[in-house]
């Protein structure tokens, strides 16, 4: 999580799943640069296995992103291959790029 290529968008917060169970999230982060679509990584303290598509959990993450300034459309569950026991990976809409750029993200496709 403390990688030099990460931009931390949020610190710790609680996220509730569809069964109204609270999960401790450690951070929401993105890589500092990329081409087009941005994957959003949410690190949890304990395993969240089986909850990677939970709409309430994703909505809790979106609510947290809104507290740090994101105003765009909803995020969706990311590629199942990328999910890990304590990591939720979400796909962001194109509008997320403006928010990410305001936090220091660089769109590498702009160079072409």
Protein backbone atom coordinates (compact mmCIF):
# COMPACT_ATOMS: atom_id res chain seq x y z
CA UNK A 1 0.00 0.00 0.00
CA UNK A 2 2.88 2.43 0.55
CA UNK A 3 4.17 2.14 -2.97
CA UNK A 4 5.81 5.14 -4.64
CA UNK A 5 3.46 4.75 -7.62
CA UNK A 6 0.27 5.08 -5.56
CA UNK A 7 -1.90 8.10 -4.92
CA UNK A 8 -3.93 7.70 -1.75
CA UNK A 9 -7.39 9.18 -2.19
CA UNK A 10 -8.73 8.35 1.27
CA UNK A 11 -7.54 7.08 4.60
CA UNK A 12 -9.36 4.62 6.87
CA UNK A 13 -13.16 4.41 6.90
CA UNK A 14 -15.97 1.90 7.55
CA UNK A 15 -17.81 0.32 4.62
CA UNK A 16 -21.06 -1.63 5.05
CA UNK A 17 -21.99 -4.58 2.86
CA UNK A 18 -25.46 -5.74 1.79
CA UNK A 19 -25.95 -7.58 5.10
CA UNK A 20 -25.14 -4.32 6.92
CA UNK A 21 -21.87 -5.75 8.28
CA UNK A 22 -19.18 -3.10 8.73
CA UNK A 23 -15.74 -3.63 7.21
CA UNK A 24 -12.65 -1.58 8.06
CA UNK A 25 -11.13 -0.12 4.92
CA UNK A 26 -7.56 1.11 5.27
CA UNK A 27 -7.32 3.26 2.14
CA UNK A 28 -8.61 4.01 -1.33
CA UNK A 29 -5.82 4.41 -3.85
CA UNK A 30 -4.98 4.59 -7.54
CA UNK A 31 -1.75 4.30 -9.49
CA UNK A 32 -0.16 7.66 -10.25
CA UNK A 33 -0.38 7.24 -14.03
CA UNK A 34 -2.09 5.13 -16.63
CA UNK A 35 -3.76 4.89 -20.02
CA UNK A 36 -7.44 5.77 -19.99
CA UNK A 37 -9.45 3.64 -17.55
CA UNK A 38 -8.46 3.96 -13.92
CA UNK A 39 -8.71 1.07 -11.50
CA UNK A 40 -9.53 2.05 -7.94
CA UNK A 41 -8.01 -0.09 -5.18
CA UNK A 42 -9.62 -0.37 -1.75
CA UNK A 43 -7.50 -2.05 0.92
CA UNK A 44 -9.30 -3.75 3.82
CA UNK A 45 -7.95 -4.86 7.21
CA UNK A 46 -9.71 -8.24 7.06
CA UNK A 47 -10.74 -10.51 4.19
CA UNK A 48 -13.84 -9.50 2.21
CA UNK A 49 -13.92 -12.65 0.11
CA UNK A 50 -17.17 -13.06 -1.80
CA UNK A 51 -18.10 -9.38 -1.50
CA UNK A 52 -16.32 -7.98 -4.54
CA UNK A 53 -19.61 -7.41 -6.39
CA UNK A 54 -21.62 -6.37 -3.32
CA UNK A 55 -23.51 -3.23 -4.37
CA UNK A 56 -23.77 -1.87 -0.83
CA UNK A 57 -20.05 -2.26 -0.24
CA UNK A 58 -19.29 -0.50 -3.53
CA UNK A 59 -21.79 2.23 -2.62
CA UNK A 60 -19.97 2.73 0.71
CA UNK A 61 -16.70 3.21 -1.17
CA UNK A 62 -18.39 5.67 -3.52
CA UNK A 63 -19.79 7.59 -0.53
CA UNK A 64 -16.27 7.85 0.89
CA UNK A 65 -14.93 9.09 -2.46
CA UNK A 66 -17.65 11.73 -2.47
CA UNK A 67 -16.38 13.02 0.90
CA UNK A 68 -12.98 13.68 -0.70
CA UNK A 69 -14.41 15.48 -3.72
CA UNK A 70 -15.47 12.96 -6.36
CA UNK A 71 -18.69 14.10 -8.02
CA UNK A 72 -19.04 11.73 -10.98
CA UNK A 73 -20.99 8.55 -11.78
CA UNK A 74 -20.83 5.30 -9.84
CA UNK A 75 -17.91 2.89 -9.93
CA UNK A 76 -18.43 -0.77 -10.80
CA UNK A 77 -16.89 -4.08 -9.77
CA UNK A 78 -13.53 -4.64 -11.41
CA UNK A 79 -12.13 -7.66 -13.19
CA UNK A 80 -12.62 -10.75 -10.98
CA UNK A 81 -9.01 -11.80 -11.64
CA UNK A 82 -7.72 -8.66 -9.89
CA UNK A 83 -9.70 -9.17 -6.67
CA UNK A 84 -7.88 -10.42 -3.58
CA UNK A 85 -8.97 -11.42 -0.10
CA UNK A 86 -8.32 -7.97 1.38
CA UNK A 87 -8.45 -5.93 -1.80
CA UNK A 88 -11.45 -4.61 -3.71
CA UNK A 89 -10.69 -3.41 -7.24
CA UNK A 90 -13.24 -1.13 -8.90
CA UNK A 91 -13.52 0.16 -12.45
CA UNK A 92 -14.07 3.87 -12.77
CA UNK A 93 -16.07 5.72 -15.43
CA UNK A 94 -14.32 8.11 -17.82
CA UNK A 95 -15.41 11.07 -15.68
CA UNK A 96 -13.23 9.78 -12.84
CA UNK A 97 -10.12 10.87 -14.75
CA UNK A 98 -10.80 14.56 -14.02
CA UNK A 99 -11.01 13.84 -10.29
CA UNK A 100 -7.91 11.62 -10.42
CA UNK A 101 -5.96 14.32 -12.29
CA UNK A 102 -6.83 16.80 -9.53
CA UNK A 103 -5.12 14.39 -7.11
CA UNK A 104 -1.97 14.08 -9.23
CA UNK A 105 -2.81 11.26 -11.67
CA UNK A 106 -1.25 11.53 -15.12
CA UNK A 107 -2.98 10.25 -18.27
CA UNK A 108 -0.17 8.74 -20.34
CA UNK A 109 -2.36 8.65 -23.44
CA UNK A 110 -2.25 12.48 -23.60
CA UNK A 111 1.37 12.24 -24.78
CA UNK A 112 0.30 10.57 -28.04
